[in-house]
Each structure stands twice: as C-alpha cells, then as structure tokens.
Amino acid sequence: MPAQRSRTTGWRRCLQQLVDHKGSLQVALAPNGPTGRDFIWRAKLISLSENEILVEMPTAAGEPLPLEEGVALLGIIAIGQNRWMFRTSCLGSVTHRSNGRDGLGLRLCMPDTVERCQRRRDYRITTDSLELPEISVWPLLDPRSVVLPERMCQLRMERHISGDTSPEALPEQHVMPDVGPAFKATLVNIGGGGVGLQVPAGEASGIGRHRLHWLRFPLPGLDSPPLCLTAKLMHWHLEAGNTTYMGLKFDFSFNPSHKRFVTQQITRAVAIQQREQLRAA
C-alpha cells in the first residue's frame, strides 16, 4: 500500500507541475476496436481536484469540439521524452474563469492508476494502444494556388457523404497547389487551431525553408477522402532519435470558407467515433 500511494503521489505531482507551468494534457477517444488512426488533442490544464481534472475544451480548427458526457477517453501526460497514459471519462463541460476571461472547460474523471509507456515513441499501455495518422506534407510555393484544391477537397468529401460513387471529373493529382517535394510525417497532436507533426530524420531536410505547407491526412474512424488544408509553420525543433517536431497553425487566409468545412469534418469524425463507442458500451 505505501508503494502504491507513492506512485499515485508521483503522477499527481507531475500533473500539478503541469498546471503550475500552464502545461497541457493530451486527450484521445479511447479505442473501440479497429478504428484506424486516432487523433490526440492537446488541451491546456486548468486545475485539479481530488476527483477531477479540468482542461480547456479541445478544439477543431480553433472551434470547441463537443465531447459527450460519459464517453471513454485516454489521458496522456508528456514531459520531455517521457510519457504516461491513463483511462478516464468525460464528466461534461463547464465554464471557467482564467486570466480574467470566461472559457469553456472539459471535466475529466481523475484516474486511479497511470501507466508509463514502455518506449519513447509508443502510445501503448497494458490495456490500450493508439495508432497515430500518417500525414503527407508539401512545402507550399504559391499560397494563392490553394483555393481550387481546397474546394475540390470539399467536393470530394460532400460526394462521399452523399453516397455518390461516380468517377471524379478531375483526379486529385491533377488539382494540387503549387508545391515542392512531399515528405511524410506523423500527426502527434491537434489543437489550438493547428497540429504537431513528427518528421523522421530522413524526411526532415530543409524543413525551415518554407513558412506555408499543404497538408493531407485521413480522418479517424472514417473511410472517406483525406482532409486537405493549408498550415503555417510556427516553430520546429530537433528531438531525440533525430526526429523533428513541427508546430503548424491552420491558415485560411486565401480561402476563409474552408475553415467552416474543416471544422465540420473533424467534428463529424469525432461524433461518429463517440457514437460507435457509446453504442458498443
């Protein structure tokens, strides 16, 4: 019992340190069978109590993401290269006051146990495993050229949702913006109106040369066309293992209407995952 109490005190202390330093907790929907790839949302930690963790509401392209009360979640504590995961659940939303302003927060159930991930890049513990999406990235040479490709992305998605399976008049490879050579990355977190990417060592050459990038990635749990959008590089740094972390912010400057579409599709994907999880439960 004393050893268990010591371990519990240890991870609670880590959480409190994150709160004190205005850090973030990573949150994902708990897997419900083979759902493909999973989004991990980055949410700022606000406060802790004996039974609850309060975080800022996760967002989709900067808009609050509705998570249903009772849905099962995974919480991830990331400090440097160390990572711990735990099972939790959504207790609902609440309005909180921070820095003199009202904001929307998400209440999470305080876990009984927290488990350290065995390897630095794994999101695996005894009971759960997350598979992160692979994303294609191109340096964007002419930002004005994104308007037609973004509209084609929306058209493909709308046709898919309506059940239209007729061949496309313009294949995707024929409707691309003016871009440089592509590279692959892993989408490690989403939130705050942007994404965090992890780029393998062999793909990271010249990352800092371009400010704007064209992104294409699958939506979790859906057999649908990929989501395509523009993002601005805000910061990047080298990590252990010679990988590179890129922090990008979604950019809708040249096609403002695309923001609403992106928000709708991410929200729709998460709603479907929640519905399937709650139905199974």
Protein backbone atom coordinates (compact mmCIF):
# COMPACT_ATOMS: atom_id res chain seq x y z
CA MET A 1 0.00 0.00 0.00
CA PRO A 2 2.75 2.59 0.78
CA ALA A 3 4.42 1.86 -2.60
CA GLN A 4 1.10 2.30 -4.43
CA ARG A 5 0.45 5.56 -2.57
CA SER A 6 3.95 6.78 -3.50
CA ARG A 7 3.36 6.05 -7.20
CA THR A 8 -0.01 7.80 -7.09
CA THR A 9 1.54 10.83 -5.39
CA GLY A 10 4.24 10.88 -8.08
CA TRP A 11 1.99 11.23 -11.13
CA ARG A 12 -0.36 13.59 -9.33
CA ARG A 13 2.68 15.74 -8.62
CA CYS A 14 3.54 15.67 -12.35
CA LEU A 15 0.01 16.81 -13.19
CA GLN A 16 0.20 19.60 -10.63
CA GLN A 17 3.54 20.75 -12.04
CA LEU A 18 1.96 20.92 -15.50
CA VAL A 19 -0.90 23.02 -14.08
CA ASP A 20 1.55 25.33 -12.32
CA HIS A 21 3.56 25.81 -15.52
CA LYS A 22 0.45 26.24 -17.71
CA GLY A 23 1.18 22.95 -19.46
CA SER A 24 -1.10 20.71 -21.46
CA LEU A 25 -2.66 17.29 -21.15
CA GLN A 26 -3.13 15.20 -24.27
CA VAL A 27 -6.54 13.56 -24.71
CA ALA A 28 -7.80 10.93 -27.15
CA LEU A 29 -11.00 8.97 -27.55
CA ALA A 30 -10.47 5.50 -26.06
CA PRO A 31 -10.13 2.94 -28.89
CA ASN A 32 -13.24 0.94 -29.74
CA GLY A 33 -11.96 -1.90 -31.88
CA PRO A 34 -10.04 -1.40 -35.13
CA THR A 35 -10.96 2.23 -35.87
CA GLY A 36 -7.91 3.09 -38.00
CA ARG A 37 -5.88 6.07 -36.84
CA ASP A 38 -6.51 8.20 -33.76
CA PHE A 39 -6.34 11.94 -33.14
CA ILE A 40 -4.66 13.15 -29.96
CA TRP A 41 -5.96 16.52 -28.80
CA ARG A 42 -3.76 18.94 -26.89
CA ALA A 43 -5.69 20.70 -24.13
CA LYS A 44 -4.30 23.18 -21.60
CA LEU A 45 -4.53 22.02 -17.98
CA ILE A 46 -6.53 24.40 -15.79
CA SER A 47 -6.88 22.80 -12.37
CA LEU A 48 -7.03 19.58 -10.36
CA SER A 49 -9.28 18.40 -7.56
CA GLU A 50 -9.48 15.13 -5.65
CA ASN A 51 -11.79 13.54 -8.23
CA GLU A 52 -11.50 15.65 -11.39
CA ILE A 53 -9.08 17.10 -13.92
CA LEU A 54 -10.18 20.31 -15.62
CA VAL A 55 -8.74 21.11 -19.05
CA GLU A 56 -9.59 23.61 -21.74
CA MET A 57 -12.12 22.28 -24.22
CA PRO A 58 -10.34 20.55 -27.15
CA THR A 59 -10.86 22.32 -30.45
CA ALA A 60 -11.39 21.52 -34.13
CA ALA A 61 -9.71 24.19 -36.28
CA GLY A 62 -9.98 26.54 -33.31
CA GLU A 63 -13.65 25.81 -32.57
CA PRO A 64 -14.78 23.93 -29.40
CA LEU A 65 -15.08 20.19 -30.00
CA PRO A 66 -18.25 18.68 -28.47
CA LEU A 67 -17.39 15.62 -26.36
CA GLU A 68 -20.33 13.76 -24.86
CA GLU A 69 -20.66 13.11 -21.15
CA GLY A 70 -19.75 9.51 -20.37
CA VAL A 71 -17.51 8.93 -23.38
CA ALA A 72 -14.33 6.99 -22.54
CA LEU A 73 -11.05 8.83 -23.08
CA LEU A 74 -7.33 8.28 -22.76
CA GLY A 75 -5.27 10.92 -20.98
CA ILE A 76 -1.59 11.32 -21.83
CA ILE A 77 0.99 13.08 -19.66
CA ALA A 78 4.01 14.03 -21.77
CA ILE A 79 7.08 15.54 -20.10
CA GLY A 80 10.12 15.73 -22.34
CA GLN A 81 10.59 12.30 -23.89
CA ASN A 82 8.66 10.58 -21.07
CA ARG A 83 5.01 9.64 -21.48
CA TRP A 84 2.33 8.21 -19.20
CA MET A 85 -1.22 7.16 -20.16
CA PHE A 86 -4.40 6.53 -18.22
CA ARG A 87 -8.07 5.71 -18.75
CA THR A 88 -10.58 8.41 -17.90
CA SER A 89 -14.05 9.59 -18.96
CA CYS A 90 -15.77 12.83 -19.85
CA LEU A 91 -17.81 14.32 -16.99
CA GLY A 92 -19.18 17.17 -19.10
CA SER A 93 -18.26 20.76 -19.84
CA VAL A 94 -18.14 23.74 -17.51
CA THR A 95 -17.47 27.46 -17.80
CA HIS A 96 -14.29 28.54 -16.02
CA ARG A 97 -12.55 31.86 -15.49
CA SER A 98 -8.89 32.23 -16.44
CA ASN A 99 -6.82 35.40 -16.79
CA GLY A 100 -9.95 37.48 -16.23
CA ARG A 101 -11.89 35.83 -19.07
CA ASP A 102 -14.56 33.15 -19.19
CA GLY A 103 -13.74 29.99 -21.15
CA LEU A 104 -15.17 26.55 -21.77
CA GLY A 105 -13.55 23.68 -19.91
CA LEU A 106 -13.84 19.90 -20.01
CA ARG A 107 -14.15 17.90 -16.79
CA LEU A 108 -12.32 14.56 -16.74
CA CYS A 109 -12.53 11.84 -14.12
CA MET A 110 -9.36 11.59 -12.03
CA PRO A 111 -7.84 8.13 -12.73
CA ASP A 112 -6.97 5.56 -10.12
CA THR A 113 -3.80 4.46 -11.89
CA VAL A 114 -1.40 5.82 -14.50
CA GLU A 115 0.90 3.63 -16.60
CA ARG A 116 4.19 4.64 -18.17
CA CYS A 117 4.54 3.95 -21.88
CA GLN A 118 7.30 1.42 -22.41
CA ARG A 119 9.03 3.11 -25.34
CA ARG A 120 9.52 6.77 -26.16
CA ARG A 121 7.51 6.82 -29.39
CA ASP A 122 4.81 4.32 -28.40
CA TYR A 123 1.31 5.19 -27.26
CA ARG A 124 0.80 1.74 -25.74
CA ILE A 125 -0.03 0.55 -22.25
CA THR A 126 -1.35 -2.75 -20.92
CA THR A 127 -4.98 -2.15 -21.87
CA ASP A 128 -4.87 0.33 -24.76
CA SER A 129 -2.93 1.34 -27.85
CA LEU A 130 -3.24 4.42 -30.05
CA GLU A 131 -2.24 4.45 -33.71
CA LEU A 132 -1.41 7.94 -34.98
CA PRO A 133 -2.24 9.12 -38.52
CA GLU A 134 0.42 9.41 -41.18
CA ILE A 135 0.24 12.75 -42.94
CA SER A 136 1.58 13.93 -46.30
CA VAL A 137 3.17 17.39 -46.30
CA TRP A 138 4.29 19.62 -49.15
CA PRO A 139 6.06 23.00 -48.87
CA LEU A 140 3.67 25.50 -50.42
CA LEU A 141 5.30 27.67 -53.09
CA ASP A 142 2.32 29.85 -54.07
CA PRO A 143 -0.39 30.24 -51.36
CA ARG A 144 -2.84 31.70 -53.88
CA SER A 145 -2.92 28.31 -55.64
CA VAL A 146 -4.70 26.55 -52.72
CA VAL A 147 -8.22 27.82 -53.45
CA LEU A 148 -9.18 25.32 -56.16
CA PRO A 149 -7.58 22.28 -54.40
CA GLU A 150 -9.36 23.16 -51.14
CA ARG A 151 -12.67 23.43 -52.97
CA MET A 152 -12.02 20.08 -54.67
CA CYS A 153 -11.31 18.55 -51.25
CA GLN A 154 -14.70 19.79 -50.08
CA LEU A 155 -16.42 18.50 -53.22
CA ARG A 156 -14.91 15.02 -52.86
CA MET A 157 -15.99 14.85 -49.22
CA GLU A 158 -19.52 16.03 -49.98
CA ARG A 159 -19.85 13.45 -52.77
CA HIS A 160 -18.64 10.72 -50.43
CA ILE A 161 -21.11 11.70 -47.71
CA SER A 162 -23.98 11.76 -50.21
CA GLY A 163 -23.07 8.27 -51.46
CA ASP A 164 -22.02 9.42 -54.93
CA THR A 165 -19.53 6.83 -56.24
CA SER A 166 -19.30 8.04 -59.85
CA PRO A 167 -15.76 8.68 -61.17
CA GLU A 168 -14.32 12.11 -60.50
CA ALA A 169 -14.00 14.51 -63.39
CA LEU A 170 -10.67 15.80 -62.04
CA PRO A 171 -8.42 13.30 -60.19
CA GLU A 172 -6.72 14.73 -57.11
CA GLN A 173 -3.23 14.60 -58.59
CA HIS A 174 -4.40 16.98 -61.31
CA VAL A 175 -5.69 19.53 -58.79
CA MET A 176 -2.79 20.31 -56.49
CA PRO A 177 -1.50 23.72 -55.42
CA ASP A 178 1.94 24.91 -56.47
CA VAL A 179 4.10 22.86 -54.09
CA GLY A 180 7.59 21.47 -53.63
CA PRO A 181 8.57 17.81 -52.99
CA ALA A 182 6.41 15.94 -50.48
CA PHE A 183 7.56 14.40 -47.21
CA LYS A 184 5.88 12.11 -44.69
CA ALA A 185 5.19 12.84 -41.02
CA THR A 186 3.12 11.53 -38.11
CA LEU A 187 0.33 13.69 -36.71
CA VAL A 188 1.12 13.57 -32.99
CA ASN A 189 -1.35 16.16 -31.70
CA ILE A 190 -4.09 18.52 -32.83
CA GLY A 191 -5.49 21.54 -31.03
CA GLY A 192 -5.28 25.29 -30.65
CA GLY A 193 -6.11 25.75 -34.31
CA GLY A 194 -3.21 23.70 -35.58
CA VAL A 195 -1.27 20.43 -35.49
CA GLY A 196 2.00 19.00 -34.20
CA LEU A 197 3.92 16.74 -36.58
CA GLN A 198 6.83 14.37 -36.00
CA VAL A 199 9.07 14.08 -39.05
CA PRO A 200 11.53 11.16 -39.45
CA ALA A 201 15.21 12.01 -39.79
CA GLY A 202 15.33 11.06 -43.46
CA GLU A 203 12.43 13.38 -44.34
CA ALA A 204 13.46 16.49 -42.40
CA SER A 205 15.92 18.14 -44.78
CA GLY A 206 15.18 21.82 -45.33
CA ILE A 207 12.08 21.95 -43.11
CA GLY A 208 12.65 25.54 -42.01
CA ARG A 209 12.97 26.95 -45.53
CA HIS A 210 9.24 27.33 -46.14
CA ARG A 211 6.65 29.02 -43.93
CA LEU A 212 3.48 27.62 -45.54
CA HIS A 213 2.68 23.94 -46.13
CA TRP A 214 -0.03 21.90 -47.81
CA LEU A 215 -1.32 19.05 -45.60
CA ARG A 216 -3.29 15.93 -46.45
CA PHE A 217 -4.38 13.45 -43.77
CA PRO A 218 -7.11 10.87 -43.07
CA LEU A 219 -9.92 11.48 -40.61
CA PRO A 220 -10.03 8.94 -37.76
CA GLY A 221 -12.52 6.11 -37.99
CA LEU A 222 -13.82 7.11 -41.44
CA ASP A 223 -13.40 5.51 -44.85
CA SER A 224 -13.57 8.89 -46.55
CA PRO A 225 -11.37 11.08 -48.75
CA PRO A 226 -8.49 12.73 -46.89
CA LEU A 227 -8.74 16.22 -45.49
CA CYS A 228 -6.58 18.81 -47.28
CA LEU A 229 -5.69 22.26 -45.97
CA THR A 230 -3.01 24.92 -45.62
CA ALA A 231 -0.90 25.42 -42.48
CA LYS A 232 1.76 27.88 -41.38
CA LEU A 233 4.96 26.73 -39.68
CA MET A 234 5.17 28.40 -36.26
CA HIS A 235 8.14 26.57 -34.71
CA TRP A 236 10.24 23.46 -35.10
CA HIS A 237 12.97 21.69 -33.14
CA LEU A 238 15.04 18.51 -33.12
CA GLU A 239 14.03 15.66 -30.83
CA ALA A 240 15.74 12.54 -29.54
CA GLY A 241 16.30 9.96 -32.24
CA ASN A 242 16.98 12.71 -34.82
CA THR A 243 13.30 13.27 -35.50
CA THR A 244 11.99 16.80 -35.98
CA TYR A 245 8.88 18.28 -34.36
CA MET A 246 6.90 20.82 -36.40
CA GLY A 247 4.24 23.02 -34.84
CA LEU A 248 1.86 24.35 -37.53
CA LYS A 249 -1.18 26.62 -37.38
CA PHE A 250 -4.05 26.19 -39.83
CA ASP A 251 -4.15 29.04 -42.33
CA PHE A 252 -7.37 30.01 -44.12
CA SER A 253 -6.19 33.41 -45.35
CA PHE A 254 -6.66 32.63 -49.03
CA ASN A 255 -9.92 30.68 -48.66
CA PRO A 256 -11.73 31.70 -45.42
CA SER A 257 -14.78 29.49 -46.16
CA HIS A 258 -12.57 26.39 -45.89
CA LYS A 259 -12.33 26.83 -42.12
CA ARG A 260 -16.02 26.01 -41.62
CA PHE A 261 -15.70 22.92 -43.82
CA VAL A 262 -12.61 21.65 -41.94
CA THR A 263 -14.30 22.22 -38.57
CA GLN A 264 -17.40 20.34 -39.72
CA GLN A 265 -15.44 17.32 -40.96
CA ILE A 266 -13.27 16.93 -37.85
CA THR A 267 -16.33 17.37 -35.62
CA ARG A 268 -18.27 14.84 -37.72
CA ALA A 269 -15.48 12.25 -37.49
CA VAL A 270 -15.23 12.60 -33.71
CA ALA A 271 -19.03 12.46 -33.34
CA ILE A 272 -19.12 9.17 -35.29
CA GLN A 273 -16.36 7.70 -33.12
CA GLN A 274 -18.19 8.72 -29.95
CA ARG A 275 -21.47 7.28 -31.21
CA GLU A 276 -19.85 3.94 -32.04
CA GLN A 277 -18.09 3.81 -28.68
CA LEU A 278 -21.23 4.59 -26.68
CA ARG A 279 -23.27 2.12 -28.76
CA ALA A 280 -20.75 -0.63 -28.03
CA ALA A 281 -20.81 0.21 -24.34
